[in-house]
Amino acid sequence: MPNIELVRQTKVSSFRKIAFGTWQDAYDPSIYGSMRIRMDNAMKYLQKFREQTGQKLTVTHMTTKALALSMAQCPEANAILRLNKLYLRKSIDISVLVLMEDNGQIDLSATKIVNADKKSLLDIITEINTKAEKIRKRQDETLEQTRQMMQLIPAILMNWILKLIGFFNYTLNLDLRWAGLPKDAFGSAVVTSIGSLGLDMGYVPLVPYSRVPIFIAPGEIMDEPIVEDGQIIPAKMLTMSATLDHRIIDGKHASIMSKTLRTVLENPEDYFDPLD
């Protein structure tokens, strides 16, 4: 069984081929972008959802679902590069970074939602909460095996070991669960909330060994004045920051995804779970 279910994309543009050859890994091709999203409707939906379901819906949950829907509108962005050849993933899997404590230190771990575009918000909340609780209680066996293995690796060898893991996991597409490494740990894209840290804007670096081409960071929602129909009114505004791998994603892909992401978050009742 392979590490990821992939389909080779045979038709690529000349620019894409040049991009493959120009940047050899994800240290080089990072591009950054941000957009402002009006969240008045989203916050009303969030409050209504909490009241009707008893579940603590957050902006991170909504961003996870919205990002998955935006990738469904742009399948070419749901891809991975192997030996300068582009492969499309068969499913849209979104990872959410979870804060935890490791030996008294703050640590980050990823909880992955498989087929996030096809799951309801309620399903996403339940899955993230369940997995995050297991991670924080150190009950995720695969993650704990990986963590223990990494503790044994000398710091001087860590760069080479991570490159080897990326090579075997993604370039060769090998399932290494037998060695204590999780199957496709990060998926298609990563969401990390910087708003919970009190930041309204910030860019996350690409992680080369994960081979993830999209990192999205929703910031803190701010009350700000905007102009609507010639009048200055208060509005709740969110800055959504993104770091993208330019070998896979260009302006066309970013435009499709950003427009979809904005439309979903500004019109939540049209795209999220129906409420009474």
Protein backbone atom coordinates (compact mmCIF):
# COMPACT_ATOMS: atom_id res chain seq x y z
CA MET A 1 0.00 0.00 0.00
CA PRO A 2 1.43 3.44 -0.89
CA ASN A 3 1.79 6.31 1.56
CA ILE A 4 -0.66 8.48 -0.47
CA GLU A 5 -3.23 7.61 -3.13
CA LEU A 6 -2.07 9.62 -6.16
CA VAL A 7 -2.83 10.09 -9.84
CA ARG A 8 -0.07 11.30 -12.20
CA GLN A 9 -0.90 14.60 -13.91
CA THR A 10 0.48 14.21 -17.43
CA LYS A 11 -0.43 17.62 -18.87
CA VAL A 12 1.51 20.47 -17.29
CA SER A 13 2.36 23.91 -18.65
CA SER A 14 5.83 25.07 -19.69
CA PHE A 15 5.88 27.42 -16.72
CA ARG A 16 5.15 24.54 -14.36
CA LYS A 17 8.03 22.50 -15.76
CA ILE A 18 10.36 25.49 -15.40
CA ALA A 19 9.17 25.95 -11.80
CA PHE A 20 9.96 22.30 -11.06
CA GLY A 21 13.49 22.83 -12.24
CA THR A 22 13.99 26.27 -10.72
CA TRP A 23 13.22 25.35 -7.10
CA GLN A 24 14.51 22.06 -5.80
CA ASP A 25 12.66 22.01 -2.50
CA ALA A 26 10.12 23.94 -0.44
CA TYR A 27 12.80 26.16 1.14
CA ASP A 28 12.93 28.23 -2.05
CA PRO A 29 9.50 28.77 -3.66
CA SER A 30 7.42 30.25 -0.84
CA ILE A 31 4.97 32.94 -1.90
CA TYR A 32 2.85 34.88 0.56
CA GLY A 33 -0.55 36.48 0.43
CA SER A 34 -3.31 37.73 2.67
CA MET A 35 -6.87 38.92 2.30
CA ARG A 36 -9.42 40.65 4.47
CA ILE A 37 -12.69 38.84 5.09
CA ARG A 38 -15.80 40.33 6.66
CA MET A 39 -16.93 37.93 9.40
CA ASP A 40 -20.21 39.43 10.66
CA ASN A 41 -22.32 36.62 9.18
CA ALA A 42 -19.78 33.99 10.22
CA MET A 43 -19.83 35.12 13.86
CA LYS A 44 -23.65 35.14 13.90
CA TYR A 45 -23.62 31.62 12.45
CA LEU A 46 -20.98 30.55 15.01
CA GLN A 47 -23.10 31.74 17.92
CA LYS A 48 -26.25 30.15 16.51
CA PHE A 49 -24.43 26.87 15.88
CA ARG A 50 -23.17 26.76 19.47
CA GLU A 51 -26.65 27.44 20.86
CA GLN A 52 -28.34 24.77 18.73
CA THR A 53 -25.73 22.01 18.92
CA GLY A 54 -23.93 22.62 22.19
CA GLN A 55 -20.65 22.25 20.30
CA LYS A 56 -17.91 24.90 20.49
CA LEU A 57 -17.56 25.89 16.86
CA THR A 58 -14.49 28.09 16.21
CA VAL A 59 -13.05 30.11 13.33
CA THR A 60 -10.45 27.34 12.92
CA HIS A 61 -13.19 24.77 12.27
CA MET A 62 -14.90 27.03 9.75
CA THR A 63 -11.59 27.80 8.02
CA THR A 64 -10.83 24.08 7.77
CA LYS A 65 -14.11 23.37 6.01
CA ALA A 66 -13.88 26.50 3.82
CA LEU A 67 -10.33 25.64 2.75
CA ALA A 68 -11.40 22.11 1.83
CA LEU A 69 -14.27 23.47 -0.27
CA SER A 70 -11.92 25.94 -1.98
CA MET A 71 -9.51 23.11 -2.88
CA ALA A 72 -12.43 21.13 -4.29
CA GLN A 73 -12.99 24.07 -6.65
CA CYS A 74 -9.31 23.97 -7.66
CA PRO A 75 -8.22 20.30 -7.86
CA GLU A 76 -4.84 21.22 -9.39
CA ALA A 77 -3.83 22.75 -6.04
CA ASN A 78 -4.37 19.42 -4.28
CA ALA A 79 -1.07 18.05 -5.51
CA ILE A 80 2.37 16.82 -4.57
CA LEU A 81 5.67 16.99 -6.45
CA ARG A 82 7.72 13.82 -6.89
CA LEU A 83 10.92 13.76 -8.95
CA ASN A 84 9.80 16.92 -10.79
CA LYS A 85 6.50 15.27 -11.75
CA LEU A 86 3.14 16.47 -10.50
CA TYR A 87 0.69 14.06 -8.87
CA LEU A 88 -2.86 14.86 -7.78
CA ARG A 89 -4.17 13.58 -4.48
CA LYS A 90 -7.33 11.49 -4.55
CA SER A 91 -8.74 13.07 -1.38
CA ILE A 92 -8.73 16.50 0.25
CA ASP A 93 -7.21 16.06 3.70
CA ILE A 94 -6.74 19.12 5.92
CA SER A 95 -4.52 19.16 9.02
CA VAL A 96 -5.09 21.43 12.01
CA LEU A 97 -2.15 22.16 14.31
CA VAL A 98 -2.82 21.37 17.96
CA LEU A 99 -0.97 22.89 20.94
CA MET A 100 0.26 20.40 23.53
CA GLU A 101 2.92 20.07 26.21
CA ASP A 102 6.01 17.89 25.80
CA ASN A 103 8.38 17.55 28.78
CA GLY A 104 7.25 20.91 30.09
CA GLN A 105 7.68 22.59 26.70
CA ILE A 106 4.98 23.87 24.33
CA ASP A 107 4.80 21.61 21.28
CA LEU A 108 2.73 21.41 18.08
CA SER A 109 1.13 18.34 16.58
CA ALA A 110 -1.13 17.91 13.58
CA THR A 111 -4.56 16.32 13.55
CA LYS A 112 -5.67 15.40 10.03
CA ILE A 113 -9.25 15.43 8.71
CA VAL A 114 -9.57 13.04 5.75
CA ASN A 115 -12.05 14.06 3.02
CA ALA A 116 -12.70 17.33 4.84
CA ASP A 117 -14.69 18.73 1.91
CA LYS A 118 -17.26 15.95 2.30
CA LYS A 119 -17.70 16.20 6.07
CA SER A 120 -20.07 18.42 8.00
CA LEU A 121 -18.86 21.04 10.45
CA LEU A 122 -20.21 18.89 13.27
CA ASP A 123 -18.17 15.93 12.01
CA ILE A 124 -15.05 18.10 11.75
CA ILE A 125 -15.47 19.48 15.28
CA THR A 126 -16.00 16.02 16.75
CA GLU A 127 -13.03 14.53 14.89
CA ILE A 128 -10.63 17.37 15.76
CA ASN A 129 -11.67 17.37 19.42
CA THR A 130 -11.37 13.59 19.73
CA LYS A 131 -7.96 13.45 18.06
CA ALA A 132 -6.67 16.53 19.90
CA GLU A 133 -7.69 15.00 23.23
CA LYS A 134 -5.81 11.80 22.40
CA ILE A 135 -2.75 13.81 21.40
CA ARG A 136 -2.77 15.90 24.60
CA LYS A 137 -3.26 12.78 26.76
CA ARG A 138 -0.42 11.04 24.89
CA GLN A 139 -2.81 8.29 23.74
CA ASP A 140 -2.02 8.54 20.03
CA GLU A 141 0.21 5.47 19.67
CA THR A 142 1.68 6.32 16.26
CA LEU A 143 2.46 9.90 17.28
CA GLU A 144 4.05 8.75 20.53
CA GLN A 145 6.23 6.25 18.64
CA THR A 146 7.35 9.02 16.30
CA ARG A 147 8.00 11.40 19.19
CA GLN A 148 10.09 8.82 21.05
CA MET A 149 12.05 7.99 17.90
CA MET A 150 12.81 11.69 17.29
CA GLN A 151 14.05 12.08 20.88
CA LEU A 152 16.70 9.42 20.19
CA ILE A 153 18.09 11.12 17.08
CA PRO A 154 21.17 13.31 17.73
CA ALA A 155 20.51 16.97 16.89
CA ILE A 156 23.40 17.02 14.40
CA LEU A 157 21.67 14.33 12.31
CA MET A 158 18.15 15.78 12.43
CA ASN A 159 18.34 17.65 9.10
CA TRP A 160 19.45 14.55 7.23
CA ILE A 161 16.93 12.30 8.97
CA LEU A 162 14.01 14.61 8.11
CA LYS A 163 15.14 14.76 4.49
CA LEU A 164 15.33 10.97 4.37
CA ILE A 165 11.86 10.66 5.89
CA GLY A 166 10.48 13.06 3.27
CA PHE A 167 12.27 11.15 0.50
CA PHE A 168 10.94 7.72 1.54
CA ASN A 169 7.46 8.95 2.54
CA TYR A 170 6.74 11.17 -0.46
CA THR A 171 9.33 10.87 -3.23
CA LEU A 172 9.17 7.07 -3.11
CA ASN A 173 5.60 7.18 -1.68
CA LEU A 174 6.24 4.41 0.83
CA ASP A 175 3.91 3.63 3.74
CA LEU A 176 6.24 3.62 6.77
CA ARG A 177 3.78 2.90 9.55
CA TRP A 178 5.73 -0.27 10.27
CA ALA A 179 8.63 2.01 11.27
CA GLY A 180 6.47 4.13 13.59
CA LEU A 181 5.86 6.96 11.11
CA PRO A 182 2.25 8.06 10.50
CA LYS A 183 0.69 7.60 7.07
CA ASP A 184 0.67 10.95 5.22
CA ALA A 185 0.78 12.90 8.46
CA PHE A 186 -0.13 16.36 7.12
CA GLY A 187 -2.36 15.83 4.08
CA SER A 188 -3.20 18.42 1.42
CA ALA A 189 -3.01 21.65 3.47
CA VAL A 190 -2.48 22.90 7.02
CA VAL A 191 -4.54 25.34 9.11
CA THR A 192 -2.94 26.97 12.13
CA SER A 193 -4.80 29.62 14.11
CA ILE A 194 -2.65 32.60 15.03
CA GLY A 195 -5.74 34.49 16.19
CA SER A 196 -5.73 32.35 19.34
CA LEU A 197 -2.28 33.81 20.05
CA GLY A 198 -3.61 37.36 19.82
CA LEU A 199 -2.10 38.00 16.38
CA ASP A 200 -4.19 39.53 13.63
CA MET A 201 -1.73 38.62 10.86
CA GLY A 202 1.27 36.35 10.34
CA TYR A 203 2.83 33.99 7.80
CA VAL A 204 3.72 30.37 8.49
CA PRO A 205 6.79 28.79 6.85
CA LEU A 206 6.43 25.83 4.53
CA VAL A 207 7.67 22.56 6.04
CA PRO A 208 9.79 20.84 3.36
CA TYR A 209 9.59 17.26 4.67
CA SER A 210 5.77 17.44 4.88
CA ARG A 211 5.43 18.27 1.15
CA VAL A 212 2.35 20.40 1.96
CA PRO A 213 1.97 23.28 -0.56
CA ILE A 214 -0.57 25.37 1.43
CA PHE A 215 -0.41 26.77 4.96
CA ILE A 216 -3.34 28.97 6.05
CA ALA A 217 -3.29 31.15 9.18
CA PRO A 218 -6.52 32.88 10.28
CA GLY A 219 -5.81 35.83 12.55
CA GLU A 220 -7.75 37.44 15.38
CA ILE A 221 -11.10 38.95 14.44
CA MET A 222 -11.03 42.72 14.89
CA ASP A 223 -13.84 45.30 15.16
CA GLU A 224 -13.08 47.88 12.47
CA PRO A 225 -14.88 50.66 10.57
CA ILE A 226 -15.69 49.95 6.93
CA VAL A 227 -17.53 51.85 4.21
CA GLU A 228 -20.80 50.31 3.02
CA ASP A 229 -23.15 52.14 0.65
CA GLY A 230 -21.25 55.34 1.33
CA GLN A 231 -21.69 55.03 5.11
CA ILE A 232 -19.06 54.21 7.75
CA ILE A 233 -20.24 51.25 9.81
CA PRO A 234 -18.59 48.83 12.28
CA ALA A 235 -17.68 45.37 11.02
CA LYS A 236 -15.87 42.27 12.23
CA MET A 237 -12.83 41.72 10.01
CA LEU A 238 -10.44 38.78 9.71
CA THR A 239 -7.04 38.70 8.00
CA MET A 240 -6.40 35.32 6.37
CA SER A 241 -2.71 34.79 5.66
CA ALA A 242 -1.36 32.11 3.34
CA THR A 243 2.03 30.64 2.46
CA LEU A 244 2.06 28.74 -0.85
CA ASP A 245 4.49 26.56 -2.78
CA HIS A 246 4.93 28.34 -6.13
CA ARG A 247 6.05 25.14 -7.85
CA ILE A 248 2.48 23.86 -7.51
CA ILE A 249 0.31 26.95 -7.01
CA ASP A 250 0.32 30.13 -9.07
CA GLY A 251 -1.92 33.20 -9.34
CA LYS A 252 -4.73 31.36 -11.12
CA HIS A 253 -5.01 28.71 -8.40
CA ALA A 254 -4.69 31.28 -5.61
CA SER A 255 -7.43 33.41 -7.20
CA ILE A 256 -9.91 30.51 -7.41
CA MET A 257 -9.25 29.36 -3.86
CA SER A 258 -9.26 32.83 -2.28
CA LYS A 259 -12.54 33.78 -3.93
CA THR A 260 -14.15 30.52 -2.81
CA LEU A 261 -12.76 30.85 0.73
CA ARG A 262 -14.12 34.39 1.02
CA THR A 263 -17.54 33.44 -0.40
CA VAL A 264 -17.91 30.51 2.00
CA LEU A 265 -16.93 32.45 5.13
CA GLU A 266 -19.04 35.49 4.23
CA ASN A 267 -22.09 33.32 3.45
CA PRO A 268 -21.83 30.49 6.01
CA GLU A 269 -25.48 29.40 5.96
CA ASP A 270 -25.19 28.61 2.24
CA TYR A 271 -22.20 26.27 2.67
CA PHE A 272 -22.08 24.99 6.26
CA ASP A 273 -24.43 22.77 8.27
CA PRO A 274 -28.06 23.91 8.03
CA LEU A 275 -29.50 25.42 11.23
CA ASP A 276 -33.09 25.89 12.28
